[in-house]
Amino acid sequence: MAWWLWVLVGFGLLVVETITPGGFFFVFFGLGALLVGVLAALGGAGPDWMEWLLFSVFSVAGILFFRRPLMRRFNMTNGKPVDNLVGETAVALEEIAPGGVGKAEMRGSAWTARSAHPGLLARGQRCRVERVEGLTLWLRPE
């Protein structure tokens, strides 16, 4: 493939990275294509199969070695945002028996709630979120 096509594809992939809600994948493929384009322009890329092999190696190596540090640098770790609810205050919307299921209100929304307390959680009682499993809050009285 002509060197200028690799450069064009590389810049195209970099543009795709900027318009997608990212995880820093396209950037490494774009950089891999740009590197192969530069090597091809200098005559060091070899035949077409070698260009594709170099593109694959550069792209995968970039993802393996640089993606995680880049994600940490920009605070884009793949944590679970729901887990941040632990320690928040919720209000029981109905009585919840020990180990039972009911509804609780937190941040203006109704949630499925389970009692992590050996006693009854009364309607209107303020509770602390002990843990979160999926969309279910485990509550304990404050």
Foldseek 3Di string as FASTA:
>chain_A
DALVVLLVQLVVLVVVQVPDPDQPQSNQLSVQSNVLSVCVVVVNQDDPVSSVVSSVVSRVVCCVPPSVVVCVVVVNDPDDPVFVQAFPKWFFQAKAAAQGWGWIDDPRDIFIEGEPDNGIRHHGFIWGFHGDDDRYTYTDGD
